[in-house]
Each structure stands twice: as C-alpha cells, then as structure tokens.
Amino acid sequence: MSGETTCSNEEVTLKKIQNLFNSKFAEASGIVGGRMPYSANNVQMIGLLDDIPFKRPSHYGKNQRSRIWNARASLRCHINDAECST
C-alpha cells in the first residue's frame, strides 16, 4: 500500500501538483513549507517532459497533471541566483 503509486483511474488533482511543486521548491530553497513562486523568473522545474512547460498547476489539464505526477521522481526545482548578482 504505497502512497507513491497512482492507479490509472485515480485522478491527479490540482492540489497534488501544487503540493508536489511546493515540496520540490522547499527542497531546493531550504525553506520548510516554502511555496513555489510561479511568477519568479529565476525558478525552473527540471525533469518535466519536453512537451509540458512549467506553469501554474491550474493551467494544466487532466492528462498533463497525470503525466507530471508519473514523472515526479525525476523532478527537481532549480533556483537561479543570477538576478541577485549586479
């Protein structure tokens, strides 16, 4: 009974993708409970499938959410610090 698998008939909800992206951001930033700043240009989600651009989870359809969920083990968040340098 693993929480890591999703049956094909189980819907991957918007909330699941939000929580996934938030947890990947928290890992990368070191901020416990950090929330993904979707408007920030210095944050990238590495490991998304080539035909799925990184955007707010509410902009993904059911099939895209399912594909993101299935690829969740390979996803990681990258924070580019280039904006901080002058």
PDB file of N, CA and C in Angstrom:
ATOM      1  N   MET A   1       0.843  -1.182   0.000  1.00  0.00           N
ATOM      2  CA  MET A   1       0.000   0.000   0.000  1.00  0.00           C
ATOM      3  C   MET A   1       0.886   1.243   0.000  1.00  0.00           C
ATOM      4  N   SER A   2       1.406   1.578  -1.125  1.00  0.00           N
ATOM      5  CA  SER A   2       2.342   2.699  -1.226  1.00  0.00           C
ATOM      6  C   SER A   2       1.624   3.959  -1.668  1.00  0.00           C
ATOM      7  N   GLY A   3       1.973   5.082  -1.079  1.00  0.00           N
ATOM      8  CA  GLY A   3       1.418   6.367  -1.482  1.00  0.00           C
ATOM      9  C   GLY A   3       2.081   6.905  -2.730  1.00  0.00           C
ATOM     10  N   GLU A   4       3.086   6.183  -3.251  1.00  0.00           N
ATOM     11  CA  GLU A   4       3.837   6.650  -4.410  1.00  0.00           C
ATOM     12  C   GLU A   4       3.201   6.249  -5.729  1.00  0.00           C
ATOM     13  N   THR A   5       2.271   5.311  -5.727  1.00  0.00           N
ATOM     14  CA  THR A   5       1.688   4.864  -6.980  1.00  0.00           C
ATOM     15  C   THR A   5       0.307   5.465  -7.147  1.00  0.00           C
ATOM     16  N   THR A   6      -0.061   5.649  -8.398  1.00  0.00           N
ATOM     17  CA  THR A   6      -1.372   6.182  -8.718  1.00  0.00           C
ATOM     18  C   THR A   6      -2.046   5.224  -9.680  1.00  0.00           C
ATOM     19  N   CYS A   7      -3.210   4.726  -9.329  1.00  0.00           N
ATOM     20  CA  CYS A   7      -3.954   3.879 -10.244  1.00  0.00           C
ATOM     21  C   CYS A   7      -4.369   4.717 -11.441  1.00  0.00           C
ATOM     22  N   SER A   8      -4.492   4.072 -12.582  1.00  0.00           N
ATOM     23  CA  SER A   8      -4.823   4.814 -13.793  1.00  0.00           C
ATOM     24  C   SER A   8      -6.196   5.474 -13.705  1.00  0.00           C
ATOM     25  N   ASN A   9      -7.084   4.950 -12.858  1.00  0.00           N
ATOM     26  CA  ASN A   9      -8.406   5.552 -12.739  1.00  0.00           C
ATOM     27  C   ASN A   9      -8.482   6.595 -11.625  1.00  0.00           C
ATOM     28  N   GLU A  10      -7.381   6.791 -10.891  1.00  0.00           N
ATOM     29  CA  GLU A  10      -7.350   7.801  -9.829  1.00  0.00           C
ATOM     30  C   GLU A  10      -6.932   9.142 -10.423  1.00  0.00           C
ATOM     31  N   GLU A  11      -7.741  10.156 -10.212  1.00  0.00           N
ATOM     32  CA  GLU A  11      -7.433  11.474 -10.772  1.00  0.00           C
ATOM     33  C   GLU A  11      -6.318  12.155  -9.984  1.00  0.00           C
ATOM     34  N   VAL A  12      -5.395  12.736 -10.733  1.00  0.00           N
ATOM     35  CA  VAL A  12      -4.338  13.534 -10.116  1.00  0.00           C
ATOM     36  C   VAL A  12      -4.887  14.951 -10.001  1.00  0.00           C
ATOM     37  N   THR A  13      -5.122  15.373  -8.791  1.00  0.00           N
ATOM     38  CA  THR A  13      -5.778  16.657  -8.561  1.00  0.00           C
ATOM     39  C   THR A  13      -4.805  17.827  -8.668  1.00  0.00           C
ATOM     40  N   LEU A  14      -5.363  18.984  -8.840  1.00  0.00           N
ATOM     41  CA  LEU A  14      -4.602  20.231  -8.843  1.00  0.00           C
ATOM     42  C   LEU A  14      -3.822  20.357  -7.538  1.00  0.00           C
ATOM     43  N   LYS A  15      -4.440  20.007  -6.434  1.00  0.00           N
ATOM     44  CA  LYS A  15      -3.803  20.104  -5.114  1.00  0.00           C
ATOM     45  C   LYS A  15      -2.568  19.206  -5.027  1.00  0.00           C
ATOM     46  N   LYS A  16      -2.628  18.016  -5.618  1.00  0.00           N
ATOM     47  CA  LYS A  16      -1.471  17.114  -5.606  1.00  0.00           C
ATOM     48  C   LYS A  16      -0.292  17.742  -6.339  1.00  0.00           C
ATOM     49  N   ILE A  17      -0.562  18.380  -7.480  1.00  0.00           N
ATOM     50  CA  ILE A  17       0.511  19.004  -8.259  1.00  0.00           C
ATOM     51  C   ILE A  17       1.041  20.227  -7.520  1.00  0.00           C
ATOM     52  N   GLN A  18       0.156  21.019  -6.907  1.00  0.00           N
ATOM     53  CA  GLN A  18       0.603  22.163  -6.104  1.00  0.00           C
ATOM     54  C   GLN A  18       1.518  21.698  -4.977  1.00  0.00           C
ATOM     55  N   ASN A  19       1.102  20.666  -4.271  1.00  0.00           N
ATOM     56  CA  ASN A  19       1.910  20.142  -3.164  1.00  0.00           C
ATOM     57  C   ASN A  19       3.243  19.589  -3.659  1.00  0.00           C
ATOM     58  N   LEU A  20       3.231  18.925  -4.804  1.00  0.00           N
ATOM     59  CA  LEU A  20       4.458  18.397  -5.393  1.00  0.00           C
ATOM     60  C   LEU A  20       5.424  19.527  -5.719  1.00  0.00           C
ATOM     61  N   PHE A  21       4.953  20.549  -6.437  1.00  0.00           N
ATOM     62  CA  PHE A  21       5.809  21.680  -6.804  1.00  0.00           C
ATOM     63  C   PHE A  21       6.303  22.420  -5.559  1.00  0.00           C
ATOM     64  N   ASN A  22       5.419  22.605  -4.573  1.00  0.00           N
ATOM     65  CA  ASN A  22       5.829  23.277  -3.335  1.00  0.00           C
ATOM     66  C   ASN A  22       6.910  22.480  -2.607  1.00  0.00           C
ATOM     67  N   SER A  23       6.773  21.162  -2.571  1.00  0.00           N
ATOM     68  CA  SER A  23       7.781  20.353  -1.875  1.00  0.00           C
ATOM     69  C   SER A  23       9.109  20.377  -2.617  1.00  0.00           C
ATOM     70  N   LYS A  24       9.074  20.383  -3.954  1.00  0.00           N
ATOM     71  CA  LYS A  24      10.318  20.464  -4.735  1.00  0.00           C
ATOM     72  C   LYS A  24      10.986  21.826  -4.520  1.00  0.00           C
ATOM     73  N   PHE A  25      10.186  22.894  -4.433  1.00  0.00           N
ATOM     74  CA  PHE A  25      10.742  24.222  -4.165  1.00  0.00           C
ATOM     75  C   PHE A  25      11.336  24.280  -2.759  1.00  0.00           C
ATOM     76  N   ALA A  26      10.633  23.710  -1.789  1.00  0.00           N
ATOM     77  CA  ALA A  26      11.125  23.708  -0.408  1.00  0.00           C
ATOM     78  C   ALA A  26      12.459  22.967  -0.306  1.00  0.00           C
ATOM     79  N   GLU A  27      12.588  21.843  -1.022  1.00  0.00           N
ATOM     80  CA  GLU A  27      13.854  21.108  -1.040  1.00  0.00           C
ATOM     81  C   GLU A  27      14.979  21.975  -1.594  1.00  0.00           C
ATOM     82  N   ALA A  28      14.712  22.654  -2.707  1.00  0.00           N
ATOM     83  CA  ALA A  28      15.747  23.452  -3.378  1.00  0.00           C
ATOM     84  C   ALA A  28      16.114  24.702  -2.594  1.00  0.00           C
ATOM     85  N   SER A  29      15.138  25.316  -1.949  1.00  0.00           N
ATOM     86  CA  SER A  29      15.377  26.587  -1.262  1.00  0.00           C
ATOM     87  C   SER A  29      15.805  26.416   0.190  1.00  0.00           C
ATOM     88  N   GLY A  30      15.509  25.253   0.747  1.00  0.00           N
ATOM     89  CA  GLY A  30      15.800  25.040   2.161  1.00  0.00           C
ATOM     90  C   GLY A  30      14.787  25.694   3.078  1.00  0.00           C
ATOM     91  N   ILE A  31      13.698  26.175   2.513  1.00  0.00           N
ATOM     92  CA  ILE A  31      12.639  26.824   3.291  1.00  0.00           C
ATOM     93  C   ILE A  31      11.568  25.782   3.605  1.00  0.00           C
ATOM     94  N   VAL A  32      11.453  25.405   4.862  1.00  0.00           N
ATOM     95  CA  VAL A  32      10.454  24.426   5.264  1.00  0.00           C
ATOM     96  C   VAL A  32       9.071  25.011   5.009  1.00  0.00           C
ATOM     97  N   GLY A  33       8.243  24.270   4.288  1.00  0.00           N
ATOM     98  CA  GLY A  33       6.901  24.743   3.982  1.00  0.00           C
ATOM     99  C   GLY A  33       6.875  25.830   2.925  1.00  0.00           C
ATOM    100  N   GLY A  34       7.976  25.988   2.188  1.00  0.00           N
ATOM    101  CA  GLY A  34       8.049  27.017   1.149  1.00  0.00           C
ATOM    102  C   GLY A  34       7.036  26.785   0.044  1.00  0.00           C
ATOM    103  N   ARG A  35       6.538  27.870  -0.517  1.00  0.00           N
ATOM    104  CA  ARG A  35       5.575  27.789  -1.614  1.00  0.00           C
ATOM    105  C   ARG A  35       6.235  28.253  -2.898  1.00  0.00           C
ATOM    106  N   MET A  36       5.967  27.532  -3.969  1.00  0.00           N
ATOM    107  CA  MET A  36       6.543  27.825  -5.270  1.00  0.00           C
ATOM    108  C   MET A  36       6.130  29.222  -5.729  1.00  0.00           C
ATOM    109  N   PRO A  37       7.097  30.105  -6.019  1.00  0.00           N
ATOM    110  CA  PRO A  37       6.779  31.447  -6.535  1.00  0.00           C
ATOM    111  C   PRO A  37       6.672  31.392  -8.063  1.00  0.00           C
ATOM    112  N   TYR A  38       5.499  31.066  -8.573  1.00  0.00           N
ATOM    113  CA  TYR A  38       5.329  30.839 -10.011  1.00  0.00           C
ATOM    114  C   TYR A  38       5.658  32.061 -10.854  1.00  0.00           C
ATOM    115  N   SER A  39       5.544  33.254 -10.292  1.00  0.00           N
ATOM    116  CA  SER A  39       5.821  34.467 -11.064  1.00  0.00           C
ATOM    117  C   SER A  39       7.308  34.794 -11.125  1.00  0.00           C
ATOM    118  N   ALA A  40       8.117  34.122 -10.328  1.00  0.00           N
ATOM    119  CA  ALA A  40       9.558  34.397 -10.315  1.00  0.00           C
ATOM    120  C   ALA A  40      10.212  33.807 -11.559  1.00  0.00           C
ATOM    121  N   ASN A  41      10.999  34.623 -12.244  1.00  0.00           N
ATOM    122  CA  ASN A  41      11.676  34.162 -13.449  1.00  0.00           C
ATOM    123  C   ASN A  41      12.926  33.351 -13.136  1.00  0.00           C
ATOM    124  N   ASN A  42      13.329  33.315 -11.886  1.00  0.00           N
ATOM    125  CA  ASN A  42      14.563  32.628 -11.527  1.00  0.00           C
ATOM    126  C   ASN A  42      14.336  31.206 -11.006  1.00  0.00           C
ATOM    127  N   VAL A  43      13.136  30.665 -11.174  1.00  0.00           N
ATOM    128  CA  VAL A  43      12.829  29.315 -10.717  1.00  0.00           C
ATOM    129  C   VAL A  43      12.471  28.452 -11.919  1.00  0.00           C
ATOM    130  N   GLN A  44      13.101  27.279 -11.992  1.00  0.00           N
ATOM    131  CA  GLN A  44      12.828  26.334 -13.069  1.00  0.00           C
ATOM    132  C   GLN A  44      12.492  24.981 -12.469  1.00  0.00           C
ATOM    133  N   MET A  45      11.644  24.231 -13.160  1.00  0.00           N
ATOM    134  CA  MET A  45      11.365  22.859 -12.763  1.00  0.00           C
ATOM    135  C   MET A  45      12.068  21.962 -13.779  1.00  0.00           C
ATOM    136  N   ILE A  46      13.100  21.271 -13.320  1.00  0.00           N
ATOM    137  CA  ILE A  46      13.893  20.396 -14.163  1.00  0.00           C
ATOM    138  C   ILE A  46      13.279  18.998 -14.128  1.00  0.00           C
ATOM    139  N   GLY A  47      13.191  18.358 -15.286  1.00  0.00           N
ATOM    140  CA  GLY A  47      12.686  16.994 -15.353  1.00  0.00           C
ATOM    141  C   GLY A  47      11.273  16.880 -15.888  1.00  0.00           C
ATOM    142  N   LEU A  48      10.641  18.025 -16.173  1.00  0.00           N
ATOM    143  CA  LEU A  48       9.326  17.961 -16.811  1.00  0.00           C
ATOM    144  C   LEU A  48       9.497  17.407 -18.217  1.00  0.00           C
ATOM    145  N   LEU A  49       8.497  16.746 -18.706  1.00  0.00           N
ATOM    146  CA  LEU A  49       8.549  16.235 -20.070  1.00  0.00           C
ATOM    147  C   LEU A  49       8.668  17.406 -21.038  1.00  0.00           C
ATOM    148  N   ASP A  50       9.342  17.177 -22.155  1.00  0.00           N
ATOM    149  CA  ASP A  50       9.638  18.255 -23.103  1.00  0.00           C
ATOM    150  C   ASP A  50       8.402  19.013 -23.584  1.00  0.00           C
ATOM    151  N   ASP A  51       7.284  18.324 -23.721  1.00  0.00           N
ATOM    152  CA  ASP A  51       6.084  18.979 -24.248  1.00  0.00           C
ATOM    153  C   ASP A  51       5.193  19.577 -23.154  1.00  0.00           C
ATOM    154  N   ILE A  52       5.672  19.583 -21.909  1.00  0.00           N
ATOM    155  CA  ILE A  52       4.907  20.173 -20.806  1.00  0.00           C
ATOM    156  C   ILE A  52       5.721  21.318 -20.208  1.00  0.00           C
ATOM    157  N   PRO A  53       5.336  22.558 -20.501  1.00  0.00           N
ATOM    158  CA  PRO A  53       6.065  23.702 -19.944  1.00  0.00           C
ATOM    159  C   PRO A  53       5.733  23.889 -18.461  1.00  0.00           C
ATOM    160  N   PHE A  54       6.663  24.489 -17.732  1.00  0.00           N
ATOM    161  CA  PHE A  54       6.433  24.779 -16.317  1.00  0.00           C
ATOM    162  C   PHE A  54       5.526  25.997 -16.201  1.00  0.00           C
ATOM    163  N   LYS A  55       4.431  25.839 -15.473  1.00  0.00           N
ATOM    164  CA  LYS A  55       3.477  26.929 -15.258  1.00  0.00           C
ATOM    165  C   LYS A  55       2.662  26.612 -14.015  1.00  0.00           C
ATOM    166  N   ARG A  56       1.744  27.478 -13.688  1.00  0.00           N
ATOM    167  CA  ARG A  56       0.880  27.246 -12.520  1.00  0.00           C
ATOM    168  C   ARG A  56       0.090  25.948 -12.730  1.00  0.00           C
ATOM    169  N   PRO A  57      -0.054  25.147 -11.682  1.00  0.00           N
ATOM    170  CA  PRO A  57      -0.783  23.887 -11.813  1.00  0.00           C
ATOM    171  C   PRO A  57      -2.212  24.038 -12.332  1.00  0.00           C
ATOM    172  N   SER A  58      -2.850  25.158 -12.057  1.00  0.00           N
ATOM    173  CA  SER A  58      -4.226  25.357 -12.526  1.00  0.00           C
ATOM    174  C   SER A  58      -4.305  25.474 -14.045  1.00  0.00           C
ATOM    175  N   HIS A  59      -3.173  25.644 -14.706  1.00  0.00           N
ATOM    176  CA  HIS A  59      -3.143  25.763 -16.163  1.00  0.00           C
ATOM    177  C   HIS A  59      -2.910  24.428 -16.857  1.00  0.00           C
ATOM    178  N   TYR A  60      -2.759  23.351 -16.090  1.00  0.00           N
ATOM    179  CA  TYR A  60      -2.571  22.025 -16.667  1.00  0.00           C
ATOM    180  C   TYR A  60      -3.904  21.307 -16.770  1.00  0.00           C
ATOM    181  N   GLY A  61      -4.053  20.537 -17.821  1.00  0.00           N
ATOM    182  CA  GLY A  61      -5.223  19.689 -17.971  1.00  0.00           C
ATOM    183  C   GLY A  61      -5.040  18.376 -17.228  1.00  0.00           C
ATOM    184  N   LYS A  62      -6.071  17.575 -17.226  1.00  0.00           N
ATOM    185  CA  LYS A  62      -6.071  16.296 -16.515  1.00  0.00           C
ATOM    186  C   LYS A  62      -4.929  15.392 -16.982  1.00  0.00           C
ATOM    187  N   ASN A  63      -4.733  15.273 -18.289  1.00  0.00           N
ATOM    188  CA  ASN A  63      -3.683  14.398 -18.818  1.00  0.00           C
ATOM    189  C   ASN A  63      -2.291  14.916 -18.474  1.00  0.00           C
ATOM    190  N   GLN A  64      -2.099  16.231 -18.532  1.00  0.00           N
ATOM    191  CA  GLN A  64      -0.800  16.806 -18.175  1.00  0.00           C
ATOM    192  C   GLN A  64      -0.499  16.572 -16.697  1.00  0.00           C
ATOM    193  N   ARG A  65      -1.487  16.771 -15.832  1.00  0.00           N
ATOM    194  CA  ARG A  65      -1.286  16.529 -14.396  1.00  0.00           C
ATOM    195  C   ARG A  65      -0.892  15.078 -14.143  1.00  0.00           C
ATOM    196  N   SER A  66      -1.538  14.163 -14.836  1.00  0.00           N
ATOM    197  CA  SER A  66      -1.227  12.749 -14.681  1.00  0.00           C
ATOM    198  C   SER A  66       0.202  12.443 -15.122  1.00  0.00           C
ATOM    199  N   ARG A  67       0.627  13.018 -16.240  1.00  0.00           N
ATOM    200  CA  ARG A  67       1.987  12.796 -16.737  1.00  0.00           C
ATOM    201  C   ARG A  67       3.028  13.411 -15.802  1.00  0.00           C
ATOM    202  N   ILE A  68       2.737  14.586 -15.256  1.00  0.00           N
ATOM    203  CA  ILE A  68       3.646  15.216 -14.284  1.00  0.00           C
ATOM    204  C   ILE A  68       3.752  14.330 -13.045  1.00  0.00           C
ATOM    205  N   TRP A  69       2.627  13.843 -12.559  1.00  0.00           N
ATOM    206  CA  TRP A  69       2.617  13.004 -11.363  1.00  0.00           C
ATOM    207  C   TRP A  69       3.447  11.732 -11.583  1.00  0.00           C
ATOM    208  N   ASN A  70       3.313  11.134 -12.764  1.00  0.00           N
ATOM    209  CA  ASN A  70       4.062   9.912 -13.060  1.00  0.00           C
ATOM    210  C   ASN A  70       5.559  10.169 -13.172  1.00  0.00           C
ATOM    211  N   ALA A  71       5.952  11.401 -13.477  1.00  0.00           N
ATOM    212  CA  ALA A  71       7.372  11.765 -13.606  1.00  0.00           C
ATOM    213  C   ALA A  71       7.911  12.425 -12.339  1.00  0.00           C
ATOM    214  N   ARG A  72       7.150  12.429 -11.262  1.00  0.00           N
ATOM    215  CA  ARG A  72       7.509  13.193 -10.059  1.00  0.00           C
ATOM    216  C   ARG A  72       8.851  12.796  -9.456  1.00  0.00           C
ATOM    217  N   ALA A  73       9.255  11.549  -9.601  1.00  0.00           N
ATOM    218  CA  ALA A  73      10.532  11.112  -9.020  1.00  0.00           C
ATOM    219  C   ALA A  73      11.721  11.786  -9.696  1.00  0.00           C
ATOM    220  N   SER A  74      11.559  12.178 -10.960  1.00  0.00           N
ATOM    221  CA  SER A  74      12.676  12.794 -11.687  1.00  0.00           C
ATOM    222  C   SER A  74      12.633  14.322 -11.657  1.00  0.00           C
ATOM    223  N   LEU A  75      11.622  14.902 -11.031  1.00  0.00           N
ATOM    224  CA  LEU A  75      11.500  16.359 -10.978  1.00  0.00           C
ATOM    225  C   LEU A  75      12.383  16.954  -9.890  1.00  0.00           C
ATOM    226  N   ARG A  76      12.952  18.104 -10.208  1.00  0.00           N
ATOM    227  CA  ARG A  76      13.669  18.874  -9.190  1.00  0.00           C
ATOM    228  C   ARG A  76      13.542  20.348  -9.539  1.00  0.00           C
ATOM    229  N   CYS A  77      13.604  21.156  -8.536  1.00  0.00           N
ATOM    230  CA  CYS A  77      13.489  22.600  -8.696  1.00  0.00           C
ATOM    231  C   CYS A  77      14.887  23.200  -8.714  1.00  0.00           C
ATOM    232  N   HIS A  78      15.103  24.156  -9.617  1.00  0.00           N
ATOM    233  CA  HIS A  78      16.383  24.863  -9.693  1.00  0.00           C
ATOM    234  C   HIS A  78      16.109  26.351  -9.509  1.00  0.00           C
ATOM    235  N   ILE A  79      16.826  26.965  -8.585  1.00  0.00           N
ATOM    236  CA  ILE A  79      16.686  28.401  -8.333  1.00  0.00           C
ATOM    237  C   ILE A  79      17.943  29.073  -8.850  1.00  0.00           C
ATOM    238  N   ASN A  80      17.782  29.923  -9.851  1.00  0.00           N
ATOM    239  CA  ASN A  80      18.900  30.629 -10.470  1.00  0.00           C
ATOM    240  C   ASN A  80      19.148  31.916  -9.693  1.00  0.00           C
ATOM    241  N   ASP A  81      20.353  32.074  -9.174  1.00  0.00           N
ATOM    242  CA  ASP A  81      20.698  33.257  -8.385  1.00  0.00           C
ATOM    243  C   ASP A  81      21.210  34.412  -9.230  1.00  0.00           C
ATOM    244  N   ALA A  82      21.125  34.316 -10.550  1.00  0.00           N
ATOM    245  CA  ALA A  82      21.665  35.348 -11.436  1.00  0.00           C
ATOM    246  C   ALA A  82      21.024  36.708 -11.187  1.00  0.00           C
ATOM    247  N   GLU A  83      19.756  36.726 -10.773  1.00  0.00           N
ATOM    248  CA  GLU A  83      19.081  38.004 -10.532  1.00  0.00           C
ATOM    249  C   GLU A  83      19.696  38.751  -9.350  1.00  0.00           C
ATOM    250  N   CYS A  84      20.360  38.027  -8.464  1.00  0.00           N
ATOM    251  CA  CYS A  84      20.929  38.653  -7.268  1.00  0.00           C
ATOM    252  C   CYS A  84      22.259  39.332  -7.554  1.00  0.00           C
ATOM    253  N   SER A  85      22.944  38.916  -8.611  1.00  0.00           N
ATOM    254  CA  SER A  85      24.261  39.500  -8.890  1.00  0.00           C
ATOM    255  C   SER A  85      24.127  40.766  -9.713  1.00  0.00           C
ATOM    256  N   THR A  86      24.991  41.749  -9.439  1.00  0.00           N
ATOM    257  CA  THR A  86      24.952  43.019 -10.172  1.00  0.00           C
ATOM    258  C   THR A  86      26.308  43.318 -10.735  1.00  0.00           C
TER     259      THR A  86
END
